[in-house]
Amino acid sequence: MDNPEEHKPPEQQMIELQMLVQKAWTVLLIGLYMVSLYSVGRITGLGNDAPGQEILMNVQRVFFFGLMGAGFLLDIVQMRMDRKKAYLFLSLSLILGGFADIVATLQYKFLSIFI
């Protein structure tokens, strides 16, 4: 019995791979923002010498570099499909990942108005 998964055209396999890596990229970006938001909440409540602050910084770094790696993989897949869209996700990873603390701080300030 032949498995239908083995006989997919390469274009379909590339699209599925792109969708999978995009989902991983999105999860990493959401994780980075959530850790940043939690970190801002702890710093605001306990000060800069909050216990566990170094661990949160390391977790943020792991998410950021994971985001960069997923963006790089996504760009490799994207370049094989369409060279005009090269380096899109790597650039987005740098911009969105770099501003994660700023956005988390602004979100925390906005939410603290209503809570």
PDB file of N, CA and C in Angstrom:
ATOM      1  N   MET A   1       0.833  -1.177   0.000  1.00  0.00           N
ATOM      2  CA  MET A   1       0.000   0.000   0.000  1.00  0.00           C
ATOM      3  C   MET A   1       0.879   1.242   0.000  1.00  0.00           C
ATOM      4  N   ASP A   2       0.581   2.118  -0.913  1.00  0.00           N
ATOM      5  CA  ASP A   2       1.328   3.356  -1.006  1.00  0.00           C
ATOM      6  C   ASP A   2       0.732   4.399  -0.077  1.00  0.00           C
ATOM      7  N   ASN A   3       1.594   5.092   0.590  1.00  0.00           N
ATOM      8  CA  ASN A   3       1.180   6.179   1.470  1.00  0.00           C
ATOM      9  C   ASN A   3       0.992   7.431   0.619  1.00  0.00           C
ATOM     10  N   PRO A   4      -0.172   8.099   0.672  1.00  0.00           N
ATOM     11  CA  PRO A   4      -0.374   9.292  -0.148  1.00  0.00           C
ATOM     12  C   PRO A   4       0.531  10.443   0.264  1.00  0.00           C
ATOM     13  N   GLU A   5       1.064  10.418   1.496  1.00  0.00           N
ATOM     14  CA  GLU A   5       1.965  11.472   1.947  1.00  0.00           C
ATOM     15  C   GLU A   5       3.284  11.452   1.168  1.00  0.00           C
ATOM     16  N   GLU A   6       3.689  10.270   0.691  1.00  0.00           N
ATOM     17  CA  GLU A   6       4.966  10.140   0.005  1.00  0.00           C
ATOM     18  C   GLU A   6       4.921  10.720  -1.407  1.00  0.00           C
ATOM     19  N   HIS A   7       3.739  10.835  -1.993  1.00  0.00           N
ATOM     20  CA  HIS A   7       3.630  11.226  -3.389  1.00  0.00           C
ATOM     21  C   HIS A   7       3.119  12.653  -3.561  1.00  0.00           C
ATOM     22  N   LYS A   8       3.293  13.484  -2.557  1.00  0.00           N
ATOM     23  CA  LYS A   8       2.885  14.878  -2.695  1.00  0.00           C
ATOM     24  C   LYS A   8       3.882  15.601  -3.582  1.00  0.00           C
ATOM     25  N   PRO A   9       3.401  16.556  -4.361  1.00  0.00           N
ATOM     26  CA  PRO A   9       4.341  17.342  -5.166  1.00  0.00           C
ATOM     27  C   PRO A   9       5.234  18.199  -4.266  1.00  0.00           C
ATOM     28  N   PRO A  10       6.443  18.502  -4.722  1.00  0.00           N
ATOM     29  CA  PRO A  10       7.371  19.290  -3.888  1.00  0.00           C
ATOM     30  C   PRO A  10       6.816  20.660  -3.505  1.00  0.00           C
ATOM     31  N   GLU A  11       6.013  21.268  -4.371  1.00  0.00           N
ATOM     32  CA  GLU A  11       5.443  22.579  -4.046  1.00  0.00           C
ATOM     33  C   GLU A  11       4.512  22.478  -2.841  1.00  0.00           C
ATOM     34  N   GLN A  12       3.722  21.412  -2.798  1.00  0.00           N
ATOM     35  CA  GLN A  12       2.803  21.202  -1.678  1.00  0.00           C
ATOM     36  C   GLN A  12       3.582  20.950  -0.390  1.00  0.00           C
ATOM     37  N   GLN A  13       4.671  20.198  -0.487  1.00  0.00           N
ATOM     38  CA  GLN A  13       5.493  19.948   0.690  1.00  0.00           C
ATOM     39  C   GLN A  13       6.125  21.239   1.209  1.00  0.00           C
ATOM     40  N   MET A  14       6.558  22.110   0.304  1.00  0.00           N
ATOM     41  CA  MET A  14       7.155  23.386   0.706  1.00  0.00           C
ATOM     42  C   MET A  14       6.122  24.275   1.382  1.00  0.00           C
ATOM     43  N   ILE A  15       4.908  24.282   0.868  1.00  0.00           N
ATOM     44  CA  ILE A  15       3.846  25.095   1.471  1.00  0.00           C
ATOM     45  C   ILE A  15       3.520  24.584   2.869  1.00  0.00           C
ATOM     46  N   GLU A  16       3.452  23.267   3.033  1.00  0.00           N
ATOM     47  CA  GLU A  16       3.179  22.695   4.355  1.00  0.00           C
ATOM     48  C   GLU A  16       4.312  22.985   5.327  1.00  0.00           C
ATOM     49  N   LEU A  17       5.554  22.910   4.856  1.00  0.00           N
ATOM     50  CA  LEU A  17       6.698  23.217   5.703  1.00  0.00           C
ATOM     51  C   LEU A  17       6.676  24.688   6.111  1.00  0.00           C
ATOM     52  N   GLN A  18       6.340  25.554   5.175  1.00  0.00           N
ATOM     53  CA  GLN A  18       6.260  26.979   5.474  1.00  0.00           C
ATOM     54  C   GLN A  18       5.186  27.255   6.526  1.00  0.00           C
ATOM     55  N   MET A  19       4.041  26.615   6.391  1.00  0.00           N
ATOM     56  CA  MET A  19       2.967  26.805   7.368  1.00  0.00           C
ATOM     57  C   MET A  19       3.386  26.304   8.748  1.00  0.00           C
ATOM     58  N   LEU A  20       4.084  25.179   8.813  1.00  0.00           N
ATOM     59  CA  LEU A  20       4.537  24.631  10.086  1.00  0.00           C
ATOM     60  C   LEU A  20       5.531  25.571  10.766  1.00  0.00           C
ATOM     61  N   VAL A  21       6.494  26.072  10.014  1.00  0.00           N
ATOM     62  CA  VAL A  21       7.496  26.956  10.603  1.00  0.00           C
ATOM     63  C   VAL A  21       6.867  28.298  10.970  1.00  0.00           C
ATOM     64  N   GLN A  22       5.875  28.768  10.204  1.00  0.00           N
ATOM     65  CA  GLN A  22       5.175  30.001  10.563  1.00  0.00           C
ATOM     66  C   GLN A  22       4.438  29.841  11.890  1.00  0.00           C
ATOM     67  N   LYS A  23       3.851  28.696  12.106  1.00  0.00           N
ATOM     68  CA  LYS A  23       3.170  28.444  13.379  1.00  0.00           C
ATOM     69  C   LYS A  23       4.173  28.438  14.528  1.00  0.00           C
ATOM     70  N   ALA A  24       5.316  27.805  14.333  1.00  0.00           N
ATOM     71  CA  ALA A  24       6.353  27.797  15.375  1.00  0.00           C
ATOM     72  C   ALA A  24       6.866  29.215  15.632  1.00  0.00           C
ATOM     73  N   TRP A  25       7.049  30.006  14.574  1.00  0.00           N
ATOM     74  CA  TRP A  25       7.495  31.394  14.693  1.00  0.00           C
ATOM     75  C   TRP A  25       6.485  32.213  15.488  1.00  0.00           C
ATOM     76  N   THR A  26       5.204  32.003  15.214  1.00  0.00           N
ATOM     77  CA  THR A  26       4.157  32.732  15.917  1.00  0.00           C
ATOM     78  C   THR A  26       4.125  32.359  17.394  1.00  0.00           C
ATOM     79  N   VAL A  27       4.264  31.077  17.703  1.00  0.00           N
ATOM     80  CA  VAL A  27       4.274  30.631  19.103  1.00  0.00           C
ATOM     81  C   VAL A  27       5.472  31.227  19.839  1.00  0.00           C
ATOM     82  N   LEU A  28       6.630  31.270  19.198  1.00  0.00           N
ATOM     83  CA  LEU A  28       7.810  31.859  19.828  1.00  0.00           C
ATOM     84  C   LEU A  28       7.628  33.354  20.064  1.00  0.00           C
ATOM     85  N   LEU A  29       7.007  34.050  19.109  1.00  0.00           N
ATOM     86  CA  LEU A  29       6.770  35.488  19.270  1.00  0.00           C
ATOM     87  C   LEU A  29       5.792  35.751  20.409  1.00  0.00           C
ATOM     88  N   ILE A  30       4.730  34.967  20.489  1.00  0.00           N
ATOM     89  CA  ILE A  30       3.761  35.116  21.582  1.00  0.00           C
ATOM     90  C   ILE A  30       4.430  34.798  22.920  1.00  0.00           C
ATOM     91  N   GLY A  31       5.246  33.757  22.959  1.00  0.00           N
ATOM     92  CA  GLY A  31       5.968  33.416  24.188  1.00  0.00           C
ATOM     93  C   GLY A  31       6.901  34.531  24.624  1.00  0.00           C
ATOM     94  N   LEU A  32       7.594  35.148  23.668  1.00  0.00           N
ATOM     95  CA  LEU A  32       8.494  36.256  23.993  1.00  0.00           C
ATOM     96  C   LEU A  32       7.722  37.422  24.581  1.00  0.00           C
ATOM     97  N   TYR A  33       6.580  37.748  23.996  1.00  0.00           N
ATOM     98  CA  TYR A  33       5.786  38.850  24.524  1.00  0.00           C
ATOM     99  C   TYR A  33       5.215  38.525  25.905  1.00  0.00           C
ATOM    100  N   MET A  34       4.790  37.296  26.112  1.00  0.00           N
ATOM    101  CA  MET A  34       4.232  36.927  27.423  1.00  0.00           C
ATOM    102  C   MET A  34       5.305  36.974  28.509  1.00  0.00           C
ATOM    103  N   VAL A  35       6.505  36.471  28.219  1.00  0.00           N
ATOM    104  CA  VAL A  35       7.584  36.526  29.204  1.00  0.00           C
ATOM    105  C   VAL A  35       7.983  37.974  29.463  1.00  0.00           C
ATOM    106  N   SER A  36       7.996  38.795  28.426  1.00  0.00           N
ATOM    107  CA  SER A  36       8.321  40.214  28.600  1.00  0.00           C
ATOM    108  C   SER A  36       7.270  40.908  29.451  1.00  0.00           C
ATOM    109  N   LEU A  37       6.008  40.621  29.215  1.00  0.00           N
ATOM    110  CA  LEU A  37       4.934  41.227  29.993  1.00  0.00           C
ATOM    111  C   LEU A  37       5.018  40.777  31.457  1.00  0.00           C
ATOM    112  N   TYR A  38       5.276  39.504  31.693  1.00  0.00           N
ATOM    113  CA  TYR A  38       5.418  39.002  33.060  1.00  0.00           C
ATOM    114  C   TYR A  38       6.623  39.640  33.743  1.00  0.00           C
ATOM    115  N   SER A  39       7.718  39.786  33.003  1.00  0.00           N
ATOM    116  CA  SER A  39       8.922  40.385  33.550  1.00  0.00           C
ATOM    117  C   SER A  39       8.684  41.842  33.938  1.00  0.00           C
ATOM    118  N   VAL A  40       7.984  42.583  33.107  1.00  0.00           N
ATOM    119  CA  VAL A  40       7.680  43.981  33.407  1.00  0.00           C
ATOM    120  C   VAL A  40       6.794  44.072  34.642  1.00  0.00           C
ATOM    121  N   GLY A  41       5.838  43.177  34.765  1.00  0.00           N
ATOM    122  CA  GLY A  41       4.973  43.163  35.937  1.00  0.00           C
ATOM    123  C   GLY A  41       5.736  42.874  37.213  1.00  0.00           C
ATOM    124  N   ARG A  42       6.701  41.969  37.149  1.00  0.00           N
ATOM    125  CA  ARG A  42       7.506  41.650  38.336  1.00  0.00           C
ATOM    126  C   ARG A  42       8.430  42.796  38.695  1.00  0.00           C
ATOM    127  N   ILE A  43       9.033  43.434  37.690  1.00  0.00           N
ATOM    128  CA  ILE A  43       9.944  44.546  37.966  1.00  0.00           C
ATOM    129  C   ILE A  43       9.176  45.711  38.577  1.00  0.00           C
ATOM    130  N   THR A  44       7.993  45.996  38.028  1.00  0.00           N
ATOM    131  CA  THR A  44       7.196  47.116  38.527  1.00  0.00           C
ATOM    132  C   THR A  44       6.757  46.857  39.961  1.00  0.00           C
ATOM    133  N   GLY A  45       6.378  45.633  40.255  1.00  0.00           N
ATOM    134  CA  GLY A  45       5.900  45.318  41.593  1.00  0.00           C
ATOM    135  C   GLY A  45       7.000  45.139  42.622  1.00  0.00           C
ATOM    136  N   LEU A  46       8.148  44.602  42.233  1.00  0.00           N
ATOM    137  CA  LEU A  46       9.186  44.249  43.199  1.00  0.00           C
ATOM    138  C   LEU A  46      10.480  45.032  43.042  1.00  0.00           C
ATOM    139  N   GLY A  47      10.601  45.842  42.022  1.00  0.00           N
ATOM    140  CA  GLY A  47      11.835  46.585  41.797  1.00  0.00           C
ATOM    141  C   GLY A  47      12.801  45.813  40.914  1.00  0.00           C
ATOM    142  N   ASN A  48      13.913  46.440  40.589  1.00  0.00           N
ATOM    143  CA  ASN A  48      14.885  45.828  39.679  1.00  0.00           C
ATOM    144  C   ASN A  48      15.613  44.642  40.297  1.00  0.00           C
ATOM    145  N   ASP A  49      15.647  44.545  41.620  1.00  0.00           N
ATOM    146  CA  ASP A  49      16.341  43.445  42.287  1.00  0.00           C
ATOM    147  C   ASP A  49      15.404  42.300  42.616  1.00  0.00           C
ATOM    148  N   ALA A  50      14.396  42.110  41.787  1.00  0.00           N
ATOM    149  CA  ALA A  50      13.409  41.061  42.028  1.00  0.00           C
ATOM    150  C   ALA A  50      14.078  39.690  41.907  1.00  0.00           C
ATOM    151  N   PRO A  51      13.729  38.774  42.810  1.00  0.00           N
ATOM    152  CA  PRO A  51      14.305  37.427  42.697  1.00  0.00           C
ATOM    153  C   PRO A  51      13.815  36.739  41.423  1.00  0.00           C
ATOM    154  N   GLY A  52      14.710  36.080  40.759  1.00  0.00           N
ATOM    155  CA  GLY A  52      14.351  35.383  39.526  1.00  0.00           C
ATOM    156  C   GLY A  52      14.431  36.250  38.288  1.00  0.00           C
ATOM    157  N   GLN A  53      14.871  37.496  38.430  1.00  0.00           N
ATOM    158  CA  GLN A  53      14.928  38.397  37.280  1.00  0.00           C
ATOM    159  C   GLN A  53      15.939  37.896  36.242  1.00  0.00           C
ATOM    160  N   GLU A  54      17.042  37.337  36.707  1.00  0.00           N
ATOM    161  CA  GLU A  54      18.068  36.816  35.795  1.00  0.00           C
ATOM    162  C   GLU A  54      17.521  35.631  35.000  1.00  0.00           C
ATOM    163  N   ILE A  55      16.712  34.803  35.635  1.00  0.00           N
ATOM    164  CA  ILE A  55      16.110  33.657  34.943  1.00  0.00           C
ATOM    165  C   ILE A  55      15.155  34.134  33.860  1.00  0.00           C
ATOM    166  N   LEU A  56      14.350  35.154  34.178  1.00  0.00           N
ATOM    167  CA  LEU A  56      13.429  35.696  33.176  1.00  0.00           C
ATOM    168  C   LEU A  56      14.179  36.292  31.991  1.00  0.00           C
ATOM    169  N   MET A  57      15.296  36.944  32.253  1.00  0.00           N
ATOM    170  CA  MET A  57      16.100  37.499  31.161  1.00  0.00           C
ATOM    171  C   MET A  57      16.655  36.375  30.268  1.00  0.00           C
ATOM    172  N   ASN A  58      17.077  35.277  30.885  1.00  0.00           N
ATOM    173  CA  ASN A  58      17.581  34.147  30.110  1.00  0.00           C
ATOM    174  C   ASN A  58      16.466  33.503  29.287  1.00  0.00           C
ATOM    175  N   VAL A  59      15.261  33.408  29.853  1.00  0.00           N
ATOM    176  CA  VAL A  59      14.131  32.855  29.107  1.00  0.00           C
ATOM    177  C   VAL A  59      13.783  33.761  27.928  1.00  0.00           C
ATOM    178  N   GLN A  60      13.851  35.070  28.133  1.00  0.00           N
ATOM    179  CA  GLN A  60      13.607  36.006  27.034  1.00  0.00           C
ATOM    180  C   GLN A  60      14.639  35.825  25.927  1.00  0.00           C
ATOM    181  N   ARG A  61      15.875  35.620  26.306  1.00  0.00           N
ATOM    182  CA  ARG A  61      16.920  35.415  25.301  1.00  0.00           C
ATOM    183  C   ARG A  61      16.686  34.132  24.505  1.00  0.00           C
ATOM    184  N   VAL A  62      16.263  33.085  25.207  1.00  0.00           N
ATOM    185  CA  VAL A  62      15.989  31.819  24.519  1.00  0.00           C
ATOM    186  C   VAL A  62      14.863  32.008  23.507  1.00  0.00           C
ATOM    187  N   PHE A  63      13.779  32.669  23.919  1.00  0.00           N
ATOM    188  CA  PHE A  63      12.678  32.922  22.998  1.00  0.00           C
ATOM    189  C   PHE A  63      13.115  33.806  21.833  1.00  0.00           C
ATOM    190  N   PHE A  64      13.930  34.835  22.107  1.00  0.00           N
ATOM    191  CA  PHE A  64      14.363  35.737  21.036  1.00  0.00           C
ATOM    192  C   PHE A  64      15.228  34.997  20.015  1.00  0.00           C
ATOM    193  N   PHE A  65      16.198  34.231  20.478  1.00  0.00           N
ATOM    194  CA  PHE A  65      17.065  33.532  19.532  1.00  0.00           C
ATOM    195  C   PHE A  65      16.335  32.379  18.845  1.00  0.00           C
ATOM    196  N   GLY A  66      15.368  31.782  19.526  1.00  0.00           N
ATOM    197  CA  GLY A  66      14.508  30.805  18.861  1.00  0.00           C
ATOM    198  C   GLY A  66      13.681  31.459  17.767  1.00  0.00           C
ATOM    199  N   LEU A  67      13.191  32.671  18.045  1.00  0.00           N
ATOM    200  CA  LEU A  67      12.438  33.442  17.051  1.00  0.00           C
ATOM    201  C   LEU A  67      13.317  33.775  15.850  1.00  0.00           C
ATOM    202  N   MET A  68      14.563  34.157  16.118  1.00  0.00           N
ATOM    203  CA  MET A  68      15.494  34.464  15.024  1.00  0.00           C
ATOM    204  C   MET A  68      15.795  33.215  14.198  1.00  0.00           C
ATOM    205  N   GLY A  69      15.982  32.082  14.865  1.00  0.00           N
ATOM    206  CA  GLY A  69      16.243  30.833  14.145  1.00  0.00           C
ATOM    207  C   GLY A  69      15.060  30.407  13.294  1.00  0.00           C
ATOM    208  N   ALA A  70      13.852  30.520  13.860  1.00  0.00           N
ATOM    209  CA  ALA A  70      12.658  30.171  13.085  1.00  0.00           C
ATOM    210  C   ALA A  70      12.477  31.134  11.916  1.00  0.00           C
ATOM    211  N   GLY A  71      12.777  32.406  12.135  1.00  0.00           N
ATOM    212  CA  GLY A  71      12.699  33.382  11.042  1.00  0.00           C
ATOM    213  C   GLY A  71      13.694  33.059   9.936  1.00  0.00           C
ATOM    214  N   PHE A  72      14.885  32.623  10.317  1.00  0.00           N
ATOM    215  CA  PHE A  72      15.889  32.244   9.328  1.00  0.00           C
ATOM    216  C   PHE A  72      15.431  31.027   8.523  1.00  0.00           C
ATOM    217  N   LEU A  73      14.905  30.008   9.216  1.00  0.00           N
ATOM    218  CA  LEU A  73      14.398  28.823   8.512  1.00  0.00           C
ATOM    219  C   LEU A  73      13.242  29.185   7.586  1.00  0.00           C
ATOM    220  N   LEU A  74      12.376  30.062   8.060  1.00  0.00           N
ATOM    221  CA  LEU A  74      11.247  30.487   7.248  1.00  0.00           C
ATOM    222  C   LEU A  74      11.701  31.239   6.003  1.00  0.00           C
ATOM    223  N   ASP A  75      12.743  32.038   6.150  1.00  0.00           N
ATOM    224  CA  ASP A  75      13.268  32.753   4.987  1.00  0.00           C
ATOM    225  C   ASP A  75      13.939  31.815   3.996  1.00  0.00           C
ATOM    226  N   ILE A  76      14.579  30.766   4.479  1.00  0.00           N
ATOM    227  CA  ILE A  76      15.169  29.789   3.559  1.00  0.00           C
ATOM    228  C   ILE A  76      14.077  29.121   2.738  1.00  0.00           C
ATOM    229  N   VAL A  77      12.993  28.733   3.408  1.00  0.00           N
ATOM    230  CA  VAL A  77      11.870  28.113   2.694  1.00  0.00           C
ATOM    231  C   VAL A  77      11.243  29.122   1.730  1.00  0.00           C
ATOM    232  N   GLN A  78      11.110  30.365   2.183  1.00  0.00           N
ATOM    233  CA  GLN A  78      10.493  31.402   1.350  1.00  0.00           C
ATOM    234  C   GLN A  78      11.347  31.695   0.111  1.00  0.00           C
ATOM    235  N   MET A  79      12.667  31.682   0.268  1.00  0.00           N
ATOM    236  CA  MET A  79      13.552  31.948  -0.868  1.00  0.00           C
ATOM    237  C   MET A  79      13.440  30.863  -1.929  1.00  0.00           C
ATOM    238  N   ARG A  80      13.196  29.636  -1.495  1.00  0.00           N
ATOM    239  CA  ARG A  80      13.039  28.556  -2.478  1.00  0.00           C
ATOM    240  C   ARG A  80      11.739  28.712  -3.253  1.00  0.00           C
ATOM    241  N   MET A  81      10.751  29.360  -2.624  1.00  0.00           N
ATOM    242  CA  MET A  81       9.456  29.542  -3.289  1.00  0.00           C
ATOM    243  C   MET A  81       9.411  30.845  -4.092  1.00  0.00           C
ATOM    244  N   ASP A  82       9.881  31.945  -3.492  1.00  0.00           N
ATOM    245  CA  ASP A  82       9.823  33.250  -4.144  1.00  0.00           C
ATOM    246  C   ASP A  82      10.965  34.114  -3.607  1.00  0.00           C
ATOM    247  N   ARG A  83      11.931  34.399  -4.454  1.00  0.00           N
ATOM    248  CA  ARG A  83      13.109  35.144  -4.010  1.00  0.00           C
ATOM    249  C   ARG A  83      12.814  36.601  -3.686  1.00  0.00           C
ATOM    250  N   LYS A  84      11.713  37.134  -4.157  1.00  0.00           N
ATOM    251  CA  LYS A  84      11.389  38.539  -3.903  1.00  0.00           C
ATOM    252  C   LYS A  84      11.005  38.784  -2.446  1.00  0.00           C
ATOM    253  N   LYS A  85      10.586  37.739  -1.738  1.00  0.00           N
ATOM    254  CA  LYS A  85      10.173  37.877  -0.344  1.00  0.00           C
ATOM    255  C   LYS A  85      11.251  37.397   0.618  1.00  0.00           C
ATOM    256  N   ALA A  86      12.489  37.431   0.185  1.00  0.00           N
ATOM    257  CA  ALA A  86      13.592  36.951   1.021  1.00  0.00           C
ATOM    258  C   ALA A  86      13.823  37.903   2.196  1.00  0.00           C
ATOM    259  N   TYR A  87      14.220  37.342   3.300  1.00  0.00           N
ATOM    260  CA  TYR A  87      14.576  38.052   4.532  1.00  0.00           C
ATOM    261  C   TYR A  87      13.409  38.812   5.164  1.00  0.00           C
ATOM    262  N   LEU A  88      12.201  38.488   4.811  1.00  0.00           N
ATOM    263  CA  LEU A  88      11.040  39.142   5.401  1.00  0.00           C
ATOM    264  C   LEU A  88      10.884  38.752   6.865  1.00  0.00           C
ATOM    265  N   PHE A  89      10.900  37.462   7.161  1.00  0.00           N
ATOM    266  CA  PHE A  89      10.664  37.019   8.525  1.00  0.00           C
ATOM    267  C   PHE A  89      11.868  37.256   9.426  1.00  0.00           C
ATOM    268  N   LEU A  90      13.064  37.242   8.860  1.00  0.00           N
ATOM    269  CA  LEU A  90      14.238  37.559   9.664  1.00  0.00           C
ATOM    270  C   LEU A  90      14.192  39.019  10.098  1.00  0.00           C
ATOM    271  N   SER A  91      13.779  39.899   9.186  1.00  0.00           N
ATOM    272  CA  SER A  91      13.624  41.317   9.527  1.00  0.00           C
ATOM    273  C   SER A  91      12.513  41.517  10.550  1.00  0.00           C
ATOM    274  N   LEU A  92      11.387  40.832  10.349  1.00  0.00           N
ATOM    275  CA  LEU A  92      10.289  40.931  11.310  1.00  0.00           C
ATOM    276  C   LEU A  92      10.708  40.397  12.684  1.00  0.00           C
ATOM    277  N   SER A  93      11.511  39.344  12.697  1.00  0.00           N
ATOM    278  CA  SER A  93      11.986  38.791  13.964  1.00  0.00           C
ATOM    279  C   SER A  93      12.843  39.807  14.708  1.00  0.00           C
ATOM    280  N   LEU A  94      13.716  40.485  13.986  1.00  0.00           N
ATOM    281  CA  LEU A  94      14.562  41.492  14.621  1.00  0.00           C
ATOM    282  C   LEU A  94      13.733  42.657  15.151  1.00  0.00           C
ATOM    283  N   ILE A  95      12.799  43.143  14.339  1.00  0.00           N
ATOM    284  CA  ILE A  95      12.011  44.308  14.732  1.00  0.00           C
ATOM    285  C   ILE A  95      11.055  43.961  15.872  1.00  0.00           C
ATOM    286  N   LEU A  96      10.237  42.933  15.687  1.00  0.00           N
ATOM    287  CA  LEU A  96       9.246  42.583  16.705  1.00  0.00           C
ATOM    288  C   LEU A  96       9.886  42.035  17.972  1.00  0.00           C
ATOM    289  N   GLY A  97      10.931  41.242  17.833  1.00  0.00           N
ATOM    290  CA  GLY A  97      11.623  40.720  19.004  1.00  0.00           C
ATOM    291  C   GLY A  97      12.382  41.798  19.759  1.00  0.00           C
ATOM    292  N   GLY A  98      12.929  42.759  19.027  1.00  0.00           N
ATOM    293  CA  GLY A  98      13.650  43.854  19.664  1.00  0.00           C
ATOM    294  C   GLY A  98      12.753  44.792  20.439  1.00  0.00           C
ATOM    295  N   PHE A  99      11.547  44.977  19.966  1.00  0.00           N
ATOM    296  CA  PHE A  99      10.607  45.873  20.638  1.00  0.00           C
ATOM    297  C   PHE A  99       9.684  45.150  21.625  1.00  0.00           C
ATOM    298  N   ALA A 100       9.964  43.898  21.941  1.00  0.00           N
ATOM    299  CA  ALA A 100       9.082  43.123  22.822  1.00  0.00           C
ATOM    300  C   ALA A 100       8.988  43.757  24.212  1.00  0.00           C
ATOM    301  N   ASP A 101      10.109  44.204  24.767  1.00  0.00           N
ATOM    302  CA  ASP A 101      10.071  44.829  26.094  1.00  0.00           C
ATOM    303  C   ASP A 101       9.322  46.156  26.075  1.00  0.00           C
ATOM    304  N   ILE A 102       9.518  46.931  25.033  1.00  0.00           N
ATOM    305  CA  ILE A 102       8.845  48.227  24.937  1.00  0.00           C
ATOM    306  C   ILE A 102       7.338  48.039  24.817  1.00  0.00           C
ATOM    307  N   VAL A 103       6.928  47.122  23.965  1.00  0.00           N
ATOM    308  CA  VAL A 103       5.496  46.852  23.788  1.00  0.00           C
ATOM    309  C   VAL A 103       4.905  46.276  25.066  1.00  0.00           C
ATOM    310  N   ALA A 104       5.632  45.382  25.734  1.00  0.00           N
ATOM    311  CA  ALA A 104       5.134  44.803  26.982  1.00  0.00           C
ATOM    312  C   ALA A 104       4.994  45.875  28.059  1.00  0.00           C
ATOM    313  N   THR A 105       5.935  46.806  28.122  1.00  0.00           N
ATOM    314  CA  THR A 105       5.843  47.888  29.096  1.00  0.00           C
ATOM    315  C   THR A 105       4.636  48.765  28.832  1.00  0.00           C
ATOM    316  N   LEU A 106       4.424  49.108  27.567  1.00  0.00           N
ATOM    317  CA  LEU A 106       3.266  49.934  27.225  1.00  0.00           C
ATOM    318  C   LEU A 106       1.960  49.197  27.505  1.00  0.00           C
ATOM    319  N   GLN A 107       1.906  47.909  27.219  1.00  0.00           N
ATOM    320  CA  GLN A 107       0.708  47.133  27.512  1.00  0.00           C
ATOM    321  C   GLN A 107       0.462  47.060  29.008  1.00  0.00           C
ATOM    322  N   TYR A 108       1.515  46.893  29.793  1.00  0.00           N
ATOM    323  CA  TYR A 108       1.357  46.817  31.243  1.00  0.00           C
ATOM    324  C   TYR A 108       0.847  48.146  31.790  1.00  0.00           C
ATOM    325  N   LYS A 109       1.406  49.258  31.297  1.00  0.00           N
ATOM    326  CA  LYS A 109       0.947  50.582  31.742  1.00  0.00           C
ATOM    327  C   LYS A 109      -0.512  50.791  31.371  1.00  0.00           C
ATOM    328  N   PHE A 110      -0.901  50.386  30.179  1.00  0.00           N
ATOM    329  CA  PHE A 110      -2.276  50.540  29.730  1.00  0.00           C
ATOM    330  C   PHE A 110      -3.228  49.676  30.558  1.00  0.00           C
ATOM    331  N   LEU A 111      -2.829  48.422  30.810  1.00  0.00           N
ATOM    332  CA  LEU A 111      -3.678  47.534  31.598  1.00  0.00           C
ATOM    333  C   LEU A 111      -3.756  47.952  33.068  1.00  0.00           C
ATOM    334  N   SER A 112      -2.686  48.561  33.578  1.00  0.00           N
ATOM    335  CA  SER A 112      -2.718  48.978  34.983  1.00  0.00           C
ATOM    336  C   SER A 112      -3.673  50.143  35.206  1.00  0.00           C
ATOM    337  N   ILE A 113      -4.035  50.851  34.170  1.00  0.00           N
ATOM    338  CA  ILE A 113      -5.036  51.923  34.292  1.00  0.00           C
ATOM    339  C   ILE A 113      -6.395  51.337  34.635  1.00  0.00           C
ATOM    340  N   PHE A 114      -6.721  50.202  34.024  1.00  0.00           N
ATOM    341  CA  PHE A 114      -8.045  49.604  34.188  1.00  0.00           C
ATOM    342  C   PHE A 114      -8.128  48.600  35.328  1.00  0.00           C
ATOM    343  N   ILE A 115      -7.019  48.154  35.826  1.00  0.00           N
ATOM    344  CA  ILE A 115      -7.057  47.123  36.874  1.00  0.00           C
ATOM    345  C   ILE A 115      -6.865  47.745  38.232  1.00  0.00           C
TER     346      ILE A 115
END
